[in-house]
Amino acid sequence: MATPESARSKHGGRLLPAALATLCALAVTLLAPAPAGASFGFLDTWGSPGSGPGEFNSPSGIVADSAGNVYVADTFNNRVQVFDACHTYAGEWGSFGNGPGQLSAPLGVAISADDRIYVADTNNNRIAVFNPGGGFAGGWGGLGPAPGQFRLPFDVAIGPDGNVYVADTDNNRIQEFDSAGTFITQWGRFGSGNGQFNEPFGIAVGPDGNVYVADTFNNRIQEFTPSGVFVRKWGSFGQANGQFKSPRGLAIDSLGNTYVADTSNSRIQVFDPAGAFVSKWGSFGSEIEQFHFAADVATDRRDNVYVAENFPNSRIQEYGEPPPTIAELGESVADLGLPAGTENSLEAKLRAAAAAVAREQTNSARNSLAALVAELEAQSGKKIDPDEVNALLEEIEATDTSLRCAA
């Protein structure tokens, strides 16, 4: 499965936990040649049909926060479930109803910079807001065509300025609000022209603030400025590269690449910031890297990709690059050009971590990596380029997270 080379960098690629066995198998001494760079691919899956903790009934919306927690709109269980960076169940909120904190078929979920959770409470025709612990913090909306009202809002997204964008699906428009729910503007109406929509199901905001809309039954993606000025569009009906069959969810990574849940084609497609096709993966089914109904897609801070599948699979799949091996971390340390003596010290700590991994002594490996982090932080302001150190620390953190999740 391919992914855009532009979406990776040596020190800033996609990094998220992989199995400890993978790390053990690939751990080698630092003097050996470093293995080839890890390839983007399947990392993990969790969930199954049901109503218990960690089970789903047609999950339709997904988002990750800055700490690696994942929030899932568990649609027909009328709740939001939370999973930590190891994908372990960490809590839930919501129940069926239209009262404060209750939900009716929530389809979309988004998170703000202050970790407040915004939910497209679809059948209640409103946006519900929760604090990071799941406490109800308010909301707005109601059934209708007026500004601030909705007809089946399917998705919600947050801009860099904290403004809230809602895919007001059956009204065939996008509405923009401030973080408190005060109406700012709207755009769109039914049709197939530029800036028109035929049931927009998904919405996402890029790092530059531009707004991307999955214009589902027009089988295309449209891009707008933050104020709703049309920028570009791409896609048409079909199954060729760059074509869609009812695209539903979409996400934008840190470099502006767009990931689209091409739902009825049972695949994910990737496009560069100009909307040009880059890659795709997936086919119909219930095995790994297959989808029965890919409803939504999300990226995290390391640009790993999560896919929420509806019934009958009712699960989450995660894709990205595995964390670096100890040898790859050592290569990155060598690239920093540290003063004489410092590099040897860091290599010694990496060797200790590699030996601990080989012995499956997770805590010892974590302690060695923690010592490496401390030494790098001590050096970063004076002797090493801080950007290089920060990038390397992210790689070390990814490896450390892998060890922690495997413990």
Protein backbone atom coordinates (compact mmCIF):
# COMPACT_ATOMS: atom_id res chain seq x y z
CA MET A 1 0.00 0.00 0.00
CA ALA A 2 1.51 3.28 -1.10
CA THR A 3 1.41 6.64 0.56
CA PRO A 4 2.68 10.04 -0.58
CA GLU A 5 6.39 10.51 -0.06
CA SER A 6 5.58 14.17 0.54
CA ALA A 7 3.66 13.09 3.62
CA ARG A 8 6.78 11.65 5.25
CA SER A 9 10.14 12.94 6.40
CA LYS A 10 13.13 11.22 7.95
CA HIS A 11 12.50 12.64 11.40
CA GLY A 12 8.83 13.50 11.14
CA GLY A 13 7.10 10.55 9.52
CA ARG A 14 4.00 8.78 10.66
CA LEU A 15 4.75 7.21 14.03
CA LEU A 16 2.39 5.28 16.25
CA PRO A 17 2.52 2.14 18.44
CA ALA A 18 3.26 -1.19 16.77
CA ALA A 19 3.52 -4.62 18.33
CA LEU A 20 6.45 -5.15 20.70
CA ALA A 21 7.33 -8.25 18.72
CA THR A 22 8.05 -6.09 15.69
CA LEU A 23 10.40 -3.91 17.70
CA CYS A 24 12.13 -6.97 19.19
CA ALA A 25 12.63 -8.59 15.81
CA LEU A 26 14.13 -5.47 14.27
CA ALA A 27 16.29 -4.31 17.19
CA VAL A 28 19.95 -4.54 16.15
CA THR A 29 23.15 -2.91 17.33
CA LEU A 30 23.86 0.63 16.24
CA LEU A 31 26.99 -0.35 14.36
CA ALA A 32 24.99 -2.47 11.93
CA PRO A 33 23.50 -0.82 8.84
CA ALA A 34 20.10 0.70 9.51
CA PRO A 35 17.19 -1.18 7.93
CA ALA A 36 15.12 0.36 5.19
CA GLY A 37 12.59 2.93 6.30
CA ALA A 38 9.34 1.50 7.64
CA SER A 39 6.52 1.54 5.12
CA PHE A 40 3.08 2.98 5.61
CA GLY A 41 0.56 0.24 6.24
CA PHE A 42 -1.81 -1.45 8.66
CA LEU A 43 -0.99 -0.97 12.35
CA ASP A 44 -3.94 -2.01 14.46
CA THR A 45 -7.65 -2.68 14.68
CA TRP A 46 -10.09 -2.77 17.55
CA GLY A 47 -13.80 -3.12 18.16
CA SER A 48 -16.57 -5.52 17.22
CA PRO A 49 -20.36 -5.38 16.97
CA GLY A 50 -22.13 -4.91 20.29
CA SER A 51 -23.05 -2.44 23.00
CA GLY A 52 -20.44 -3.17 25.66
CA PRO A 53 -17.26 -1.18 26.36
CA GLY A 54 -15.10 -1.17 23.24
CA GLU A 55 -17.90 -2.55 21.10
CA PHE A 56 -19.72 -0.56 18.43
CA ASN A 57 -22.99 -0.30 16.60
CA SER A 58 -22.06 1.41 13.33
CA PRO A 59 -19.34 3.86 14.42
CA SER A 60 -19.57 6.81 12.05
CA GLY A 61 -17.29 9.56 13.34
CA ILE A 62 -13.74 9.54 14.69
CA VAL A 63 -11.15 12.06 15.89
CA ALA A 64 -7.83 11.94 17.80
CA ASP A 65 -6.55 14.49 20.30
CA SER A 66 -3.01 15.77 20.90
CA ALA A 67 -2.29 13.08 23.50
CA GLY A 68 -3.21 10.22 21.18
CA ASN A 69 -6.65 9.55 22.66
CA VAL A 70 -9.27 8.52 20.10
CA TYR A 71 -12.94 9.53 20.28
CA VAL A 72 -15.55 7.55 18.36
CA ALA A 73 -19.16 8.51 17.60
CA ASP A 74 -20.78 5.12 18.28
CA THR A 75 -23.87 6.01 16.31
CA PHE A 76 -26.60 3.52 17.11
CA ASN A 77 -25.39 3.01 20.66
CA ASN A 78 -26.05 6.76 21.01
CA ARG A 79 -22.76 7.49 22.73
CA VAL A 80 -19.18 8.66 22.32
CA GLN A 81 -16.48 6.20 23.34
CA VAL A 82 -12.93 7.19 24.29
CA PHE A 83 -9.79 5.09 23.84
CA ASP A 84 -6.29 5.92 25.05
CA ALA A 85 -3.12 5.93 22.95
CA CYS A 86 -2.90 2.14 23.37
CA HIS A 87 -6.48 1.84 22.07
CA THR A 88 -7.68 0.66 25.47
CA TYR A 89 -11.23 1.59 26.41
CA ALA A 90 -11.08 4.71 28.61
CA GLY A 91 -14.71 5.73 29.05
CA GLU A 92 -17.88 6.85 27.33
CA TRP A 93 -20.75 9.28 27.60
CA GLY A 94 -24.20 9.70 26.16
CA SER A 95 -27.45 7.76 26.10
CA PHE A 96 -30.50 7.80 23.86
CA GLY A 97 -32.63 10.90 24.21
CA ASN A 98 -32.85 14.62 23.58
CA GLY A 99 -31.97 15.94 27.01
CA PRO A 100 -28.68 17.56 28.06
CA GLY A 101 -25.86 15.11 27.41
CA GLN A 102 -28.10 12.68 25.57
CA LEU A 103 -27.68 11.80 21.92
CA SER A 104 -29.71 10.42 19.04
CA ALA A 105 -27.66 8.78 16.27
CA PRO A 106 -24.52 10.95 16.55
CA LEU A 107 -22.60 10.81 13.28
CA GLY A 108 -19.73 13.30 13.56
CA VAL A 109 -17.22 14.26 16.24
CA ALA A 110 -14.49 16.93 16.44
CA ILE A 111 -12.10 18.21 19.08
CA SER A 112 -10.93 21.76 19.79
CA ALA A 113 -7.50 22.95 20.86
CA ASP A 114 -8.69 22.99 24.48
CA ASP A 115 -9.90 19.38 24.13
CA ARG A 116 -13.62 20.13 24.15
CA ILE A 117 -15.56 17.57 22.13
CA TYR A 118 -18.15 18.72 19.58
CA VAL A 119 -20.68 16.10 18.44
CA ALA A 120 -23.00 16.23 15.45
CA ASP A 121 -26.09 14.98 17.29
CA THR A 122 -27.76 14.13 14.02
CA ASN A 123 -31.30 13.06 14.82
CA ASN A 124 -31.59 15.79 17.46
CA ASN A 125 -30.57 18.35 14.81
CA ARG A 126 -28.02 20.02 17.05
CA ILE A 127 -24.38 20.27 18.04
CA ALA A 128 -23.63 18.95 21.53
CA VAL A 129 -20.47 20.02 23.38
CA PHE A 130 -18.67 18.06 26.10
CA ASN A 131 -15.66 18.85 28.28
CA PRO A 132 -12.59 16.57 28.15
CA GLY A 133 -13.99 14.35 30.90
CA GLY A 134 -17.29 13.88 29.10
CA GLY A 135 -19.34 16.36 31.10
CA PHE A 136 -22.05 18.10 29.10
CA ALA A 137 -20.97 21.69 28.33
CA GLY A 138 -23.83 22.95 26.18
CA GLY A 139 -24.86 23.01 22.56
CA TRP A 140 -27.04 24.68 19.98
CA GLY A 141 -29.40 24.03 17.09
CA GLY A 142 -32.89 22.80 16.34
CA LEU A 143 -34.80 21.57 13.32
CA GLY A 144 -35.18 24.05 10.49
CA PRO A 145 -33.61 26.00 7.62
CA ALA A 146 -32.80 29.22 9.48
CA PRO A 147 -29.24 30.17 10.46
CA GLY A 148 -28.26 28.12 13.49
CA GLN A 149 -30.83 25.44 12.73
CA PHE A 150 -30.13 22.09 11.08
CA ARG A 151 -31.65 19.28 9.08
CA LEU A 152 -29.66 16.15 9.90
CA PRO A 153 -26.16 17.56 10.51
CA PHE A 154 -23.80 14.71 9.62
CA ASP A 155 -20.40 16.11 10.57
CA VAL A 156 -18.57 18.85 12.45
CA ALA A 157 -15.02 20.23 12.24
CA ILE A 158 -12.94 22.81 14.12
CA GLY A 159 -10.77 25.45 12.43
CA PRO A 160 -7.36 26.67 13.65
CA ASP A 161 -9.10 29.75 15.09
CA GLY A 162 -11.53 27.60 17.08
CA ASN A 163 -14.52 28.28 14.83
CA VAL A 164 -16.92 25.40 14.28
CA TYR A 165 -18.02 24.23 10.83
CA VAL A 166 -21.07 22.00 10.42
CA ALA A 167 -22.09 19.90 7.43
CA ASP A 168 -25.82 20.71 7.52
CA THR A 169 -26.58 17.78 5.28
CA ASP A 170 -30.26 17.95 4.41
CA ASN A 171 -30.09 21.75 4.13
CA ASN A 172 -27.26 21.28 1.59
CA ARG A 173 -25.09 23.92 3.19
CA ILE A 174 -22.15 24.57 5.50
CA GLN A 175 -22.66 26.69 8.60
CA GLU A 176 -19.89 28.39 10.57
CA PHE A 177 -20.09 29.31 14.27
CA ASP A 178 -17.75 30.59 16.92
CA SER A 179 -16.75 28.20 19.70
CA ALA A 180 -19.76 29.24 21.79
CA GLY A 181 -22.21 28.46 18.97
CA THR A 182 -22.85 32.00 17.74
CA PHE A 183 -23.72 31.95 14.05
CA ILE A 184 -21.12 33.55 11.75
CA THR A 185 -21.96 32.65 8.15
CA GLN A 186 -23.23 29.94 5.83
CA TRP A 187 -22.80 28.90 2.22
CA GLY A 188 -24.20 26.40 -0.23
CA ARG A 189 -27.51 25.21 -1.60
CA PHE A 190 -28.76 22.20 -3.52
CA GLY A 191 -27.16 21.68 -6.91
CA SER A 192 -24.08 20.48 -8.74
CA GLY A 193 -22.35 23.78 -9.50
CA ASN A 194 -19.35 25.20 -7.71
CA GLY A 195 -20.26 25.79 -4.08
CA GLN A 196 -23.47 23.80 -4.37
CA PHE A 197 -24.09 20.48 -2.67
CA ASN A 198 -26.04 17.26 -2.91
CA GLU A 199 -26.08 15.92 0.65
CA PRO A 200 -22.68 16.93 2.07
CA PHE A 201 -21.85 14.18 4.58
CA GLY A 202 -18.30 15.02 5.68
CA ILE A 203 -16.28 18.10 6.55
CA ALA A 204 -12.68 18.77 7.58
CA VAL A 205 -10.43 21.80 8.05
CA GLY A 206 -6.82 21.88 6.86
CA PRO A 207 -3.81 23.40 8.63
CA ASP A 208 -4.25 26.60 6.60
CA GLY A 209 -7.89 26.93 7.69
CA ASN A 210 -9.40 25.95 4.37
CA VAL A 211 -12.58 23.88 4.57
CA TYR A 212 -13.00 20.59 2.70
CA VAL A 213 -16.42 19.06 2.09
CA ALA A 214 -17.36 15.55 1.02
CA ASP A 215 -20.15 16.43 -1.43
CA THR A 216 -21.49 12.91 -1.21
CA PHE A 217 -24.06 12.47 -3.95
CA ASN A 218 -22.19 14.76 -6.32
CA ASN A 219 -19.31 12.29 -5.83
CA ARG A 220 -16.67 14.96 -5.34
CA ILE A 221 -14.65 16.94 -2.82
CA GLN A 222 -14.96 20.72 -2.68
CA GLU A 223 -12.48 23.09 -1.03
CA PHE A 224 -13.32 26.55 0.33
CA THR A 225 -11.59 29.39 2.13
CA PRO A 226 -12.47 29.75 5.83
CA SER A 227 -15.18 32.25 4.86
CA GLY A 228 -16.73 29.95 2.26
CA VAL A 229 -15.22 31.19 -1.01
CA PHE A 230 -14.94 28.32 -3.51
CA VAL A 231 -11.33 27.28 -4.21
CA ARG A 232 -11.40 24.02 -6.17
CA LYS A 233 -13.14 20.68 -6.60
CA TRP A 234 -12.16 17.21 -7.70
CA GLY A 235 -13.81 13.87 -8.33
CA SER A 236 -16.64 12.33 -10.33
CA PHE A 237 -18.72 9.17 -10.18
CA GLY A 238 -16.81 5.93 -10.78
CA GLN A 239 -14.18 3.59 -9.44
CA ALA A 240 -11.05 4.81 -11.23
CA ASN A 241 -8.35 6.69 -9.36
CA GLY A 242 -9.74 10.05 -8.25
CA GLN A 243 -13.34 8.97 -8.79
CA PHE A 244 -15.83 8.27 -6.01
CA LYS A 245 -18.97 6.39 -5.11
CA SER A 246 -20.66 8.27 -2.27
CA PRO A 247 -17.59 9.66 -0.46
CA ARG A 248 -18.51 10.22 3.14
CA GLY A 249 -15.70 11.06 5.58
CA LEU A 250 -12.50 12.99 5.03
CA ALA A 251 -9.47 14.24 6.94
CA ILE A 252 -6.53 16.54 6.25
CA ASP A 253 -3.06 15.75 7.56
CA SER A 254 -0.43 18.22 8.76
CA LEU A 255 0.98 18.67 5.24
CA GLY A 256 -2.39 19.31 3.61
CA ASN A 257 -2.91 15.86 2.09
CA THR A 258 -6.57 14.79 1.97
CA TYR A 259 -7.77 11.32 2.97
CA VAL A 260 -11.23 10.38 1.71
CA ALA A 261 -13.45 7.53 2.87
CA ASP A 262 -14.67 6.48 -0.59
CA THR A 263 -17.49 4.58 1.05
CA SER A 264 -19.25 2.64 -1.68
CA ASN A 265 -15.92 1.84 -3.36
CA SER A 266 -14.72 0.30 -0.05
CA ARG A 267 -11.43 2.16 -0.05
CA ILE A 268 -9.48 5.16 1.19
CA GLN A 269 -8.07 7.57 -1.39
CA VAL A 270 -5.28 10.07 -0.79
CA PHE A 271 -4.84 13.41 -2.59
CA ASP A 272 -2.13 16.05 -2.44
CA PRO A 273 -2.86 19.66 -1.39
CA ALA A 274 -3.84 20.54 -4.96
CA GLY A 275 -6.35 17.69 -5.16
CA ALA A 276 -4.23 15.41 -7.35
CA PHE A 277 -4.59 11.67 -6.76
CA VAL A 278 -1.68 10.12 -4.86
CA SER A 279 -2.63 6.65 -3.64
CA LYS A 280 -5.38 4.37 -2.40
CA TRP A 281 -5.94 1.23 -0.38
CA GLY A 282 -8.76 -1.09 0.56
CA SER A 283 -11.31 -3.45 -0.95
CA PHE A 284 -14.67 -4.86 0.06
CA GLY A 285 -14.68 -7.34 2.95
CA SER A 286 -14.03 -7.90 6.63
CA GLU A 287 -10.33 -8.79 6.62
CA ILE A 288 -7.49 -6.41 7.43
CA GLU A 289 -7.21 -3.58 4.88
CA GLN A 290 -10.75 -4.32 3.74
CA PHE A 291 -13.83 -2.23 4.43
CA HIS A 292 -17.53 -3.00 4.44
CA PHE A 293 -18.70 0.56 4.97
CA ALA A 294 -15.91 3.05 5.62
CA ALA A 295 -17.87 5.88 7.21
CA ASP A 296 -15.17 8.26 8.39
CA VAL A 297 -11.43 8.83 8.44
CA ALA A 298 -9.22 10.83 10.82
CA THR A 299 -5.54 11.68 11.23
CA ASP A 300 -3.60 12.18 14.46
CA ARG A 301 -0.69 14.47 15.31
CA ARG A 302 1.77 12.03 13.70
CA ASP A 303 -0.43 11.77 10.59
CA ASN A 304 -1.45 8.19 11.24
CA VAL A 305 -4.85 7.40 9.75
CA TYR A 306 -7.91 5.94 11.48
CA VAL A 307 -10.90 4.51 9.62
CA ALA A 308 -14.29 4.01 11.28
CA GLU A 309 -16.34 1.22 9.71
CA ASN A 310 -20.10 0.90 10.05
CA PHE A 311 -22.04 -2.32 10.56
CA PRO A 312 -21.39 -5.20 10.07
CA ASN A 313 -17.65 -4.75 10.73
CA SER A 314 -18.26 -2.08 13.40
CA ARG A 315 -14.58 -1.50 14.10
CA ILE A 316 -11.68 0.93 13.85
CA GLN A 317 -8.63 0.32 11.68
CA GLU A 318 -5.39 2.28 12.02
CA TYR A 319 -2.70 2.83 9.40
CA GLY A 320 0.68 4.53 9.44
CA GLU A 321 4.37 3.84 9.87
CA PRO A 322 5.55 1.70 12.79
CA PRO A 323 7.73 3.47 15.36
CA PRO A 324 11.46 3.56 14.62
CA THR A 325 13.61 0.61 15.57
CA ILE A 326 16.44 1.16 18.02
CA ALA A 327 18.86 1.07 15.09
CA GLU A 328 16.94 3.78 13.25
CA LEU A 329 16.96 5.94 16.37
CA GLY A 330 20.72 5.45 16.54
CA GLU A 331 21.08 6.61 12.94
CA SER A 332 19.07 9.72 13.77
CA VAL A 333 21.30 10.42 16.78
CA ALA A 334 24.40 10.08 14.61
CA ASP A 335 22.92 12.54 12.13
CA LEU A 336 22.77 15.24 14.80
CA GLY A 337 26.55 15.74 14.73
CA LEU A 338 26.94 15.84 18.51
CA PRO A 339 30.17 16.85 20.27
CA ALA A 340 32.75 14.16 20.91
CA GLY A 341 31.66 11.92 23.74
CA THR A 342 28.01 12.92 23.70
CA GLU A 343 27.09 10.70 20.79
CA ASN A 344 28.77 7.70 22.41
CA SER A 345 26.78 8.30 25.58
CA LEU A 346 23.54 8.44 23.66
CA GLU A 347 24.45 5.35 21.69
CA ALA A 348 25.12 3.51 24.94
CA LYS A 349 21.62 4.30 26.14
CA LEU A 350 20.16 3.15 22.85
CA ARG A 351 22.17 -0.08 23.08
CA ALA A 352 20.82 -0.62 26.58
CA ALA A 353 17.29 -0.11 25.33
CA ALA A 354 17.89 -2.54 22.45
CA ALA A 355 19.21 -5.19 24.82
CA ALA A 356 16.23 -4.75 27.10
CA VAL A 357 13.85 -5.05 24.16
CA ALA A 358 15.56 -8.27 23.07
CA ARG A 359 15.06 -9.65 26.59
CA GLU A 360 11.45 -8.42 26.55
CA GLN A 361 12.23 -6.30 29.61
CA THR A 362 9.86 -3.48 28.77
CA ASN A 363 10.44 -1.36 31.87
CA SER A 364 14.22 -1.45 31.46
CA ALA A 365 13.88 -0.41 27.84
CA ARG A 366 11.62 2.46 28.80
CA ASN A 367 14.08 3.60 31.47
CA SER A 368 16.90 3.65 28.92
CA LEU A 369 14.82 5.68 26.52
CA ALA A 370 13.81 8.06 29.31
CA ALA A 371 17.48 8.63 30.09
CA LEU A 372 18.10 9.33 26.41
CA VAL A 373 15.27 11.87 26.37
CA ALA A 374 16.70 13.60 29.46
CA GLU A 375 20.16 13.88 27.93
CA LEU A 376 18.84 15.16 24.61
CA GLU A 377 16.74 17.76 26.40
CA ALA A 378 19.80 18.87 28.37
CA GLN A 379 21.76 19.31 25.14
CA SER A 380 19.05 20.76 22.93
CA GLY A 381 19.34 24.45 23.70
CA LYS A 382 23.09 24.79 23.21
CA LYS A 383 24.77 22.10 21.17
CA ILE A 384 22.12 20.67 18.84
CA ASP A 385 19.63 22.21 16.47
CA PRO A 386 16.43 22.35 18.61
CA ASP A 387 14.24 21.40 15.64
CA GLU A 388 16.31 18.28 15.06
CA VAL A 389 16.12 17.39 18.74
CA ASN A 390 12.37 17.90 18.87
CA ALA A 391 11.90 15.70 15.81
CA LEU A 392 14.08 12.98 17.32
CA LEU A 393 12.25 13.22 20.62
CA GLU A 394 9.01 12.56 18.74
CA GLU A 395 10.56 9.41 17.28
CA ILE A 396 11.74 8.30 20.71
CA GLU A 397 8.30 9.01 22.15
CA ALA A 398 6.72 6.80 19.49
CA THR A 399 9.05 3.93 20.36
CA ASP A 400 8.43 4.52 24.06
CA THR A 401 4.66 4.48 23.47
CA SER A 402 5.02 1.16 21.65
CA LEU A 403 6.83 -0.31 24.65
CA ARG A 404 4.29 1.07 27.08
CA CYS A 405 1.34 -0.27 25.12
CA ALA A 406 2.96 -3.70 24.87
CA ALA A 407 3.67 -3.92 28.60
